[in-house]
């Protein structure tokens, strides 16, 4: 999750801090504190290739991505909100299905079992973490819909560009909840329950097979216009998003990029060729 997207790195760190605050009392144990310190150092080291270049570009250059509205505007952020039905169902008969946001029936059923698990059977050892993960999983799902009242937080969170990116955390938290629910309830299964559940799973699998897209007809990269640049800042530039990864001055002078020769320019000194390609 940390390395899927630079914005997800920040959000993952925030949620990790929330988890740490919930369990702050455990830091009294020197061994736990030691292991936490080692984990932090390892995480920073493993992801250094990721965050060090980011800080370098942030402090040493002026890129569009770091400007207000560079990644997204309030309008584009609000437009990325999902319809509630898209979390439950995807109409695969549409001519073009570019994104699938549905949570899926198995996960919904497993999450619904939380009512039973919390009330009767949950292990007290991890009950606090269970409730935290369930709350964060539900919250991460709910805030992706158009109807969620972001209010004053819109300006802060619009840096994530799309509301549906929070489904990444929804999947993570709810996966843990579903695993605990299944592990808890399965202890009370008998052979009859196993037969019934297995039959339902087979029927469900048979129902979704016709919905799977076997041939997505993905276009070869050669069919795209590489390096497409226009004066319209909303036009896509392959390899540069919509221009947010360009330096500010370059983004303001796209005509120069469009007409620039395919060669190396030496700003200082002279170019020297070794004769090798």
C-alpha atoms as a PDB file:
ATOM      1  CA  UNK A   1       0.000   0.000   0.000  1.00  0.00           C
ATOM      2  CA  UNK A   2       2.828   2.384   0.829  1.00  0.00           C
ATOM      3  CA  UNK A   3       4.385   2.125  -2.624  1.00  0.00           C
ATOM      4  CA  UNK A   4       1.246   2.135  -4.755  1.00  0.00           C
ATOM      5  CA  UNK A   5       1.080   5.921  -4.943  1.00  0.00           C
ATOM      6  CA  UNK A   6       2.929   8.763  -3.269  1.00  0.00           C
ATOM      7  CA  UNK A   7      -0.335  10.184  -1.908  1.00  0.00           C
ATOM      8  CA  UNK A   8      -1.210   6.814  -0.428  1.00  0.00           C
ATOM      9  CA  UNK A   9       2.101   6.909   1.404  1.00  0.00           C
ATOM     10  CA  UNK A  10       1.017   9.994   3.322  1.00  0.00           C
ATOM     11  CA  UNK A  11      -2.449   8.621   4.091  1.00  0.00           C
ATOM     12  CA  UNK A  12      -1.023   5.269   5.179  1.00  0.00           C
ATOM     13  CA  UNK A  13       1.304   7.082   7.578  1.00  0.00           C
ATOM     14  CA  UNK A  14      -1.633   9.043   9.028  1.00  0.00           C
ATOM     15  CA  UNK A  15      -3.683   5.896   9.615  1.00  0.00           C
ATOM     16  CA  UNK A  16      -0.670   4.138  11.107  1.00  0.00           C
ATOM     17  CA  UNK A  17      -0.365   7.030  13.574  1.00  0.00           C
ATOM     18  CA  UNK A  18      -4.030   6.598  14.496  1.00  0.00           C
ATOM     19  CA  UNK A  19      -3.396   2.916  15.196  1.00  0.00           C
ATOM     20  CA  UNK A  20      -0.344   3.823  17.263  1.00  0.00           C
ATOM     21  CA  UNK A  21      -2.338   6.318  19.332  1.00  0.00           C
ATOM     22  CA  UNK A  22      -4.992   3.698  20.024  1.00  0.00           C
ATOM     23  CA  UNK A  23      -2.290   1.393  21.384  1.00  0.00           C
ATOM     24  CA  UNK A  24      -0.062   4.035  22.958  1.00  0.00           C
ATOM     25  CA  UNK A  25      -0.127   2.273  26.332  1.00  0.00           C
ATOM     26  CA  UNK A  26       1.730  -0.713  24.851  1.00  0.00           C
ATOM     27  CA  UNK A  27       4.804   1.452  24.234  1.00  0.00           C
ATOM     28  CA  UNK A  28       5.629   1.072  27.910  1.00  0.00           C
ATOM     29  CA  UNK A  29       6.978  -2.342  26.971  1.00  0.00           C
ATOM     30  CA  UNK A  30      10.641  -1.794  26.021  1.00  0.00           C
ATOM     31  CA  UNK A  31      10.683  -4.768  23.660  1.00  0.00           C
ATOM     32  CA  UNK A  32       7.664  -3.461  21.722  1.00  0.00           C
ATOM     33  CA  UNK A  33       9.222   0.020  21.608  1.00  0.00           C
ATOM     34  CA  UNK A  34      12.468  -1.492  20.302  1.00  0.00           C
ATOM     35  CA  UNK A  35      10.676  -3.469  17.581  1.00  0.00           C
ATOM     36  CA  UNK A  36       8.684  -0.390  16.603  1.00  0.00           C
ATOM     37  CA  UNK A  37      11.883   1.638  16.212  1.00  0.00           C
ATOM     38  CA  UNK A  38      13.480  -1.085  14.070  1.00  0.00           C
ATOM     39  CA  UNK A  39      10.344  -1.280  11.898  1.00  0.00           C
ATOM     40  CA  UNK A  40      10.294   2.494  11.382  1.00  0.00           C
ATOM     41  CA  UNK A  41      13.964   2.557  10.355  1.00  0.00           C
ATOM     42  CA  UNK A  42      13.417  -0.370   7.954  1.00  0.00           C
ATOM     43  CA  UNK A  43      10.346   1.266   6.389  1.00  0.00           C
ATOM     44  CA  UNK A  44      12.161   4.565   5.905  1.00  0.00           C
ATOM     45  CA  UNK A  45      15.130   2.775   4.361  1.00  0.00           C
ATOM     46  CA  UNK A  46      13.100   0.533   2.049  1.00  0.00           C
ATOM     47  CA  UNK A  47      11.031   3.453   0.756  1.00  0.00           C
ATOM     48  CA  UNK A  48      13.956   5.916   0.530  1.00  0.00           C
ATOM     49  CA  UNK A  49      14.093   5.553  -3.261  1.00  0.00           C
ATOM     50  CA  UNK A  50      10.525   6.823  -3.243  1.00  0.00           C
ATOM     51  CA  UNK A  51      10.420   9.751  -0.822  1.00  0.00           C
ATOM     52  CA  UNK A  52      13.941  11.168  -1.262  1.00  0.00           C
ATOM     53  CA  UNK A  53      13.444  12.137  -4.944  1.00  0.00           C
ATOM     54  CA  UNK A  54      10.064  13.586  -3.975  1.00  0.00           C
ATOM     55  CA  UNK A  55      11.630  15.856  -1.353  1.00  0.00           C
ATOM     56  CA  UNK A  56      14.409  16.757  -3.778  1.00  0.00           C
ATOM     57  CA  UNK A  57      11.969  17.935  -6.434  1.00  0.00           C
ATOM     58  CA  UNK A  58       9.834  19.695  -3.837  1.00  0.00           C
ATOM     59  CA  UNK A  59      12.672  21.800  -2.416  1.00  0.00           C
ATOM     60  CA  UNK A  60      14.859  22.271  -5.485  1.00  0.00           C
ATOM     61  CA  UNK A  61      12.377  22.935  -8.284  1.00  0.00           C
ATOM     62  CA  UNK A  62       8.989  24.476  -8.984  1.00  0.00           C
ATOM     63  CA  UNK A  63       6.657  21.811 -10.365  1.00  0.00           C
ATOM     64  CA  UNK A  64       2.968  22.149 -11.197  1.00  0.00           C
ATOM     65  CA  UNK A  65       2.103  19.245  -8.913  1.00  0.00           C
ATOM     66  CA  UNK A  66       3.078  21.274  -5.838  1.00  0.00           C
ATOM     67  CA  UNK A  67       0.950  24.285  -6.798  1.00  0.00           C
ATOM     68  CA  UNK A  68      -2.542  24.811  -5.411  1.00  0.00           C
ATOM     69  CA  UNK A  69      -4.951  23.141  -7.801  1.00  0.00           C
ATOM     70  CA  UNK A  70      -2.071  21.448  -9.630  1.00  0.00           C
ATOM     71  CA  UNK A  71      -3.189  17.901  -8.876  1.00  0.00           C
ATOM     72  CA  UNK A  72      -6.902  18.566  -8.695  1.00  0.00           C
ATOM     73  CA  UNK A  73      -9.469  21.279  -8.137  1.00  0.00           C
ATOM     74  CA  UNK A  74     -12.421  21.234  -5.785  1.00  0.00           C
ATOM     75  CA  UNK A  75     -14.690  20.710  -8.793  1.00  0.00           C
ATOM     76  CA  UNK A  76     -12.751  17.759 -10.216  1.00  0.00           C
ATOM     77  CA  UNK A  77     -12.460  16.236  -6.738  1.00  0.00           C
ATOM     78  CA  UNK A  78     -16.229  16.391  -6.226  1.00  0.00           C
ATOM     79  CA  UNK A  79     -16.883  14.948  -9.682  1.00  0.00           C
ATOM     80  CA  UNK A  80     -14.838  11.871  -8.774  1.00  0.00           C
ATOM     81  CA  UNK A  81     -17.400  10.850  -6.148  1.00  0.00           C
ATOM     82  CA  UNK A  82     -19.114   7.509  -6.753  1.00  0.00           C
ATOM     83  CA  UNK A  83     -22.764   6.627  -6.994  1.00  0.00           C
ATOM     84  CA  UNK A  84     -23.794   4.318  -4.179  1.00  0.00           C
ATOM     85  CA  UNK A  85     -24.948   1.695  -6.675  1.00  0.00           C
ATOM     86  CA  UNK A  86     -21.464   1.535  -8.227  1.00  0.00           C
ATOM     87  CA  UNK A  87     -20.199   0.150  -4.909  1.00  0.00           C
ATOM     88  CA  UNK A  88     -22.722  -2.664  -5.198  1.00  0.00           C
ATOM     89  CA  UNK A  89     -23.027  -3.333  -8.911  1.00  0.00           C
ATOM     90  CA  UNK A  90     -21.157  -2.756 -12.182  1.00  0.00           C
ATOM     91  CA  UNK A  91     -23.097  -2.732 -15.440  1.00  0.00           C
ATOM     92  CA  UNK A  92     -20.712  -4.690 -17.638  1.00  0.00           C
ATOM     93  CA  UNK A  93     -23.059  -4.394 -20.604  1.00  0.00           C
ATOM     94  CA  UNK A  94     -22.056  -0.773 -21.078  1.00  0.00           C
ATOM     95  CA  UNK A  95     -19.926  -0.071 -24.129  1.00  0.00           C
ATOM     96  CA  UNK A  96     -16.918   0.962 -22.063  1.00  0.00           C
ATOM     97  CA  UNK A  97     -16.215  -0.117 -18.491  1.00  0.00           C
ATOM     98  CA  UNK A  98     -12.970   1.562 -17.458  1.00  0.00           C
ATOM     99  CA  UNK A  99     -13.252   1.189 -13.690  1.00  0.00           C
ATOM    100  CA  UNK A 100     -14.907  -1.318 -11.382  1.00  0.00           C
ATOM    101  CA  UNK A 101     -15.593  -0.063  -7.866  1.00  0.00           C
ATOM    102  CA  UNK A 102     -18.014  -2.665  -6.543  1.00  0.00           C
ATOM    103  CA  UNK A 103     -17.131  -4.179  -3.189  1.00  0.00           C
ATOM    104  CA  UNK A 104     -18.567  -7.586  -4.025  1.00  0.00           C
ATOM    105  CA  UNK A 105     -21.191  -9.825  -2.445  1.00  0.00           C
ATOM    106  CA  UNK A 106     -18.721 -12.083  -0.515  1.00  0.00           C
ATOM    107  CA  UNK A 107     -17.155  -9.121   1.285  1.00  0.00           C
ATOM    108  CA  UNK A 108     -20.557  -7.552   2.028  1.00  0.00           C
ATOM    109  CA  UNK A 109     -21.815 -10.809   3.536  1.00  0.00           C
ATOM    110  CA  UNK A 110     -18.667 -11.240   5.615  1.00  0.00           C
ATOM    111  CA  UNK A 111     -18.865  -7.648   6.891  1.00  0.00           C
ATOM    112  CA  UNK A 112     -22.522  -8.119   7.855  1.00  0.00           C
ATOM    113  CA  UNK A 113     -21.423 -11.017  10.083  1.00  0.00           C
ATOM    114  CA  UNK A 114     -19.581  -8.433  12.203  1.00  0.00           C
ATOM    115  CA  UNK A 115     -22.828  -7.801  14.105  1.00  0.00           C
ATOM    116  CA  UNK A 116     -22.788 -11.404  15.312  1.00  0.00           C
ATOM    117  CA  UNK A 117     -19.025 -11.485  15.945  1.00  0.00           C
ATOM    118  CA  UNK A 118     -18.912  -8.270  17.992  1.00  0.00           C
ATOM    119  CA  UNK A 119     -21.955  -9.134  20.062  1.00  0.00           C
ATOM    120  CA  UNK A 120     -21.139 -12.718  20.919  1.00  0.00           C
ATOM    121  CA  UNK A 121     -17.900 -14.263  19.834  1.00  0.00           C
ATOM    122  CA  UNK A 122     -15.040 -11.808  19.257  1.00  0.00           C
ATOM    123  CA  UNK A 123     -11.792 -12.466  21.056  1.00  0.00           C
ATOM    124  CA  UNK A 124     -11.210  -9.772  23.684  1.00  0.00           C
ATOM    125  CA  UNK A 125      -7.480  -9.748  22.907  1.00  0.00           C
ATOM    126  CA  UNK A 126      -7.966  -7.952  19.582  1.00  0.00           C
ATOM    127  CA  UNK A 127     -11.432  -6.468  20.082  1.00  0.00           C
ATOM    128  CA  UNK A 128     -10.091  -2.881  20.097  1.00  0.00           C
ATOM    129  CA  UNK A 129      -8.206  -3.374  16.826  1.00  0.00           C
ATOM    130  CA  UNK A 130     -11.216  -5.132  15.323  1.00  0.00           C
ATOM    131  CA  UNK A 131     -13.550  -2.215  16.037  1.00  0.00           C
ATOM    132  CA  UNK A 132     -10.930   0.281  14.772  1.00  0.00           C
ATOM    133  CA  UNK A 133     -10.412  -1.607  11.490  1.00  0.00           C
ATOM    134  CA  UNK A 134     -14.155  -2.028  10.992  1.00  0.00           C
ATOM    135  CA  UNK A 135     -14.746   1.690  11.579  1.00  0.00           C
ATOM    136  CA  UNK A 136     -11.923   2.746   9.248  1.00  0.00           C
ATOM    137  CA  UNK A 137     -13.048   0.252   6.591  1.00  0.00           C
ATOM    138  CA  UNK A 138     -16.614   1.547   6.604  1.00  0.00           C
ATOM    139  CA  UNK A 139     -15.467   5.184   6.735  1.00  0.00           C
ATOM    140  CA  UNK A 140     -13.022   4.668   3.836  1.00  0.00           C
ATOM    141  CA  UNK A 141     -15.923   3.291   1.795  1.00  0.00           C
ATOM    142  CA  UNK A 142     -18.535   5.887   2.726  1.00  0.00           C
ATOM    143  CA  UNK A 143     -16.372   8.926   1.973  1.00  0.00           C
ATOM    144  CA  UNK A 144     -15.969   7.826  -1.658  1.00  0.00           C
ATOM    145  CA  UNK A 145     -19.633   8.508  -2.527  1.00  0.00           C
ATOM    146  CA  UNK A 146     -20.897  11.800  -3.916  1.00  0.00           C
ATOM    147  CA  UNK A 147     -23.305  12.331  -1.040  1.00  0.00           C
ATOM    148  CA  UNK A 148     -20.633  12.378   1.664  1.00  0.00           C
ATOM    149  CA  UNK A 149     -20.405  15.900   3.218  1.00  0.00           C
ATOM    150  CA  UNK A 150     -16.716  16.704   2.959  1.00  0.00           C
ATOM    151  CA  UNK A 151     -17.258  20.340   3.905  1.00  0.00           C
ATOM    152  CA  UNK A 152     -14.112  22.146   5.069  1.00  0.00           C
ATOM    153  CA  UNK A 153     -11.990  19.052   4.412  1.00  0.00           C
ATOM    154  CA  UNK A 154     -12.385  19.292   0.640  1.00  0.00           C
ATOM    155  CA  UNK A 155      -9.471  21.694   0.230  1.00  0.00           C
ATOM    156  CA  UNK A 156      -7.236  19.476   2.358  1.00  0.00           C
ATOM    157  CA  UNK A 157      -8.058  16.116   0.803  1.00  0.00           C
ATOM    158  CA  UNK A 158      -8.423  17.148  -2.821  1.00  0.00           C
ATOM    159  CA  UNK A 159      -4.718  16.424  -3.196  1.00  0.00           C
ATOM    160  CA  UNK A 160      -5.658  12.727  -3.512  1.00  0.00           C
ATOM    161  CA  UNK A 161      -7.358  13.754  -6.811  1.00  0.00           C
ATOM    162  CA  UNK A 162     -10.049  11.072  -6.772  1.00  0.00           C
ATOM    163  CA  UNK A 163     -12.328  10.137  -3.900  1.00  0.00           C
ATOM    164  CA  UNK A 164     -12.398   6.516  -5.008  1.00  0.00           C
ATOM    165  CA  UNK A 165      -8.715   6.147  -4.138  1.00  0.00           C
ATOM    166  CA  UNK A 166      -9.844   5.655  -0.548  1.00  0.00           C
ATOM    167  CA  UNK A 167     -11.218   2.253  -1.608  1.00  0.00           C
ATOM    168  CA  UNK A 168      -7.626   1.033  -1.345  1.00  0.00           C
ATOM    169  CA  UNK A 169      -7.863   1.423   2.425  1.00  0.00           C
ATOM    170  CA  UNK A 170     -11.400   0.094   2.443  1.00  0.00           C
ATOM    171  CA  UNK A 171     -10.183  -3.127   0.834  1.00  0.00           C
ATOM    172  CA  UNK A 172      -7.328  -3.462   3.293  1.00  0.00           C
ATOM    173  CA  UNK A 173      -9.312  -2.882   6.488  1.00  0.00           C
ATOM    174  CA  UNK A 174     -12.353  -4.912   5.434  1.00  0.00           C
ATOM    175  CA  UNK A 175     -10.158  -7.824   4.316  1.00  0.00           C
ATOM    176  CA  UNK A 176      -8.853  -8.104   7.889  1.00  0.00           C
ATOM    177  CA  UNK A 177     -12.414  -7.921   9.267  1.00  0.00           C
ATOM    178  CA  UNK A 178     -13.665 -10.592   6.863  1.00  0.00           C
ATOM    179  CA  UNK A 179     -10.792 -12.914   7.782  1.00  0.00           C
ATOM    180  CA  UNK A 180     -11.498 -12.558  11.514  1.00  0.00           C
ATOM    181  CA  UNK A 181     -15.238 -13.038  10.974  1.00  0.00           C
ATOM    182  CA  UNK A 182     -14.722 -16.197   8.965  1.00  0.00           C
ATOM    183  CA  UNK A 183     -12.132 -17.534  11.401  1.00  0.00           C
ATOM    184  CA  UNK A 184     -14.481 -16.883  14.333  1.00  0.00           C
ATOM    185  CA  UNK A 185     -17.650 -18.295  12.828  1.00  0.00           C
ATOM    186  CA  UNK A 186     -16.088 -21.346  11.226  1.00  0.00           C
ATOM    187  CA  UNK A 187     -15.386 -22.716  14.706  1.00  0.00           C
ATOM    188  CA  UNK A 188     -19.107 -23.317  15.080  1.00  0.00           C
ATOM    189  CA  UNK A 189     -19.605 -25.013  11.704  1.00  0.00           C
ATOM    190  CA  UNK A 190     -20.759 -28.581  11.272  1.00  0.00           C
ATOM    191  CA  UNK A 191     -20.732 -30.723   8.134  1.00  0.00           C
ATOM    192  CA  UNK A 192     -24.189 -29.523   7.115  1.00  0.00           C
ATOM    193  CA  UNK A 193     -23.056 -25.889   7.225  1.00  0.00           C
ATOM    194  CA  UNK A 194     -20.020 -26.690   5.102  1.00  0.00           C
ATOM    195  CA  UNK A 195     -22.173 -28.349   2.432  1.00  0.00           C
ATOM    196  CA  UNK A 196     -24.590 -25.422   2.316  1.00  0.00           C
ATOM    197  CA  UNK A 197     -21.877 -22.755   2.143  1.00  0.00           C
ATOM    198  CA  UNK A 198     -19.895 -24.699  -0.463  1.00  0.00           C
ATOM    199  CA  UNK A 199     -23.028 -24.998  -2.626  1.00  0.00           C
ATOM    200  CA  UNK A 200     -23.706 -21.267  -2.373  1.00  0.00           C
ATOM    201  CA  UNK A 201     -20.090 -20.470  -3.307  1.00  0.00           C
ATOM    202  CA  UNK A 202     -20.245 -22.729  -6.360  1.00  0.00           C
ATOM    203  CA  UNK A 203     -23.529 -21.172  -7.498  1.00  0.00           C
ATOM    204  CA  UNK A 204     -22.184 -17.659  -6.973  1.00  0.00           C
ATOM    205  CA  UNK A 205     -19.027 -18.462  -8.937  1.00  0.00           C
ATOM    206  CA  UNK A 206     -21.131 -19.858 -11.768  1.00  0.00           C
ATOM    207  CA  UNK A 207     -23.202 -16.665 -11.852  1.00  0.00           C
ATOM    208  CA  UNK A 208     -20.246 -14.289 -12.143  1.00  0.00           C
ATOM    209  CA  UNK A 209     -18.312 -16.246 -14.798  1.00  0.00           C
ATOM    210  CA  UNK A 210     -20.471 -14.862 -17.674  1.00  0.00           C
ATOM    211  CA  UNK A 211     -19.778 -11.325 -16.381  1.00  0.00           C
ATOM    212  CA  UNK A 212     -16.003 -11.656 -16.661  1.00  0.00           C
ATOM    213  CA  UNK A 213     -14.449  -9.848 -19.587  1.00  0.00           C
ATOM    214  CA  UNK A 214     -12.142 -12.323 -21.266  1.00  0.00           C
ATOM    215  CA  UNK A 215     -11.050 -10.051 -24.113  1.00  0.00           C
ATOM    216  CA  UNK A 216     -10.521  -6.458 -22.991  1.00  0.00           C
ATOM    217  CA  UNK A 217      -9.246  -5.428 -26.448  1.00  0.00           C
ATOM    218  CA  UNK A 218      -6.385  -3.472 -24.942  1.00  0.00           C
ATOM    219  CA  UNK A 219      -4.807  -1.190 -27.516  1.00  0.00           C
ATOM    220  CA  UNK A 220      -1.131  -1.447 -28.245  1.00  0.00           C
ATOM    221  CA  UNK A 221       0.911   1.498 -27.003  1.00  0.00           C
ATOM    222  CA  UNK A 222       1.892   2.295 -30.604  1.00  0.00           C
ATOM    223  CA  UNK A 223      -1.714   3.341 -31.252  1.00  0.00           C
ATOM    224  CA  UNK A 224      -1.410   6.230 -28.820  1.00  0.00           C
ATOM    225  CA  UNK A 225       0.105   9.583 -29.683  1.00  0.00           C
ATOM    226  CA  UNK A 226       3.286   9.654 -27.655  1.00  0.00           C
ATOM    227  CA  UNK A 227       4.194  13.071 -26.295  1.00  0.00           C
ATOM    228  CA  UNK A 228       0.946  14.746 -27.307  1.00  0.00           C
ATOM    229  CA  UNK A 229       1.091  18.372 -26.190  1.00  0.00           C
ATOM    230  CA  UNK A 230      -1.456  21.098 -26.838  1.00  0.00           C
ATOM    231  CA  UNK A 231      -2.295  24.499 -25.421  1.00  0.00           C
ATOM    232  CA  UNK A 232      -5.250  22.956 -23.590  1.00  0.00           C
ATOM    233  CA  UNK A 233      -3.973  22.136 -20.111  1.00  0.00           C
ATOM    234  CA  UNK A 234      -6.645  19.440 -19.674  1.00  0.00           C
ATOM    235  CA  UNK A 235      -5.357  17.416 -22.619  1.00  0.00           C
ATOM    236  CA  UNK A 236      -3.511  14.277 -21.712  1.00  0.00           C
ATOM    237  CA  UNK A 237       0.238  14.155 -22.186  1.00  0.00           C
ATOM    238  CA  UNK A 238       1.384  10.558 -22.164  1.00  0.00           C
ATOM    239  CA  UNK A 239       4.162  10.149 -19.630  1.00  0.00           C
ATOM    240  CA  UNK A 240       3.353  13.460 -17.929  1.00  0.00           C
ATOM    241  CA  UNK A 241      -0.258  13.023 -16.825  1.00  0.00           C
ATOM    242  CA  UNK A 242      -2.094  16.251 -17.582  1.00  0.00           C
ATOM    243  CA  UNK A 243       1.009  18.352 -17.174  1.00  0.00           C
ATOM    244  CA  UNK A 244       1.126  18.239 -13.372  1.00  0.00           C
ATOM    245  CA  UNK A 245       4.598  16.707 -13.452  1.00  0.00           C
ATOM    246  CA  UNK A 246       6.027  19.457 -15.615  1.00  0.00           C
ATOM    247  CA  UNK A 247       7.953  22.415 -14.208  1.00  0.00           C
ATOM    248  CA  UNK A 248       5.663  25.436 -13.913  1.00  0.00           C
ATOM    249  CA  UNK A 249       7.445  27.407 -16.655  1.00  0.00           C
ATOM    250  CA  UNK A 250       7.338  24.448 -19.047  1.00  0.00           C
ATOM    251  CA  UNK A 251       3.641  23.940 -18.444  1.00  0.00           C
ATOM    252  CA  UNK A 252       3.024  27.589 -19.234  1.00  0.00           C
ATOM    253  CA  UNK A 253       4.972  27.281 -22.489  1.00  0.00           C
ATOM    254  CA  UNK A 254       3.674  24.076 -24.036  1.00  0.00           C
ATOM    255  CA  UNK A 255       4.247  25.339 -27.547  1.00  0.00           C
ATOM    256  CA  UNK A 256       7.982  25.131 -26.900  1.00  0.00           C
ATOM    257  CA  UNK A 257       7.657  21.510 -25.777  1.00  0.00           C
ATOM    258  CA  UNK A 258       5.615  20.675 -28.871  1.00  0.00           C
ATOM    259  CA  UNK A 259       8.132  22.188 -31.293  1.00  0.00           C
ATOM    260  CA  UNK A 260      11.307  21.284 -29.407  1.00  0.00           C
ATOM    261  CA  UNK A 261      13.830  19.199 -31.357  1.00  0.00           C
ATOM    262  CA  UNK A 262      14.560  15.655 -30.257  1.00  0.00           C
ATOM    263  CA  UNK A 263      18.070  16.411 -29.065  1.00  0.00           C
ATOM    264  CA  UNK A 264      20.078  17.175 -25.935  1.00  0.00           C
ATOM    265  CA  UNK A 265      20.577  20.833 -25.012  1.00  0.00           C
ATOM    266  CA  UNK A 266      23.644  21.802 -22.997  1.00  0.00           C
ATOM    267  CA  UNK A 267      22.750  24.676 -20.677  1.00  0.00           C
ATOM    268  CA  UNK A 268      26.370  25.109 -19.579  1.00  0.00           C
ATOM    269  CA  UNK A 269      29.626  24.035 -21.205  1.00  0.00           C
ATOM    270  CA  UNK A 270      29.717  21.934 -24.361  1.00  0.00           C
ATOM    271  CA  UNK A 271      28.574  18.479 -25.294  1.00  0.00           C
ATOM    272  CA  UNK A 272      31.191  15.823 -25.776  1.00  0.00           C
ATOM    273  CA  UNK A 273      30.565  12.651 -27.736  1.00  0.00           C
ATOM    274  CA  UNK A 274      32.424   9.432 -27.007  1.00  0.00           C
ATOM    275  CA  UNK A 275      31.428   7.883 -30.285  1.00  0.00           C
ATOM    276  CA  UNK A 276      29.293   5.197 -28.655  1.00  0.00           C
ATOM    277  CA  UNK A 277      25.549   5.091 -28.914  1.00  0.00           C
END
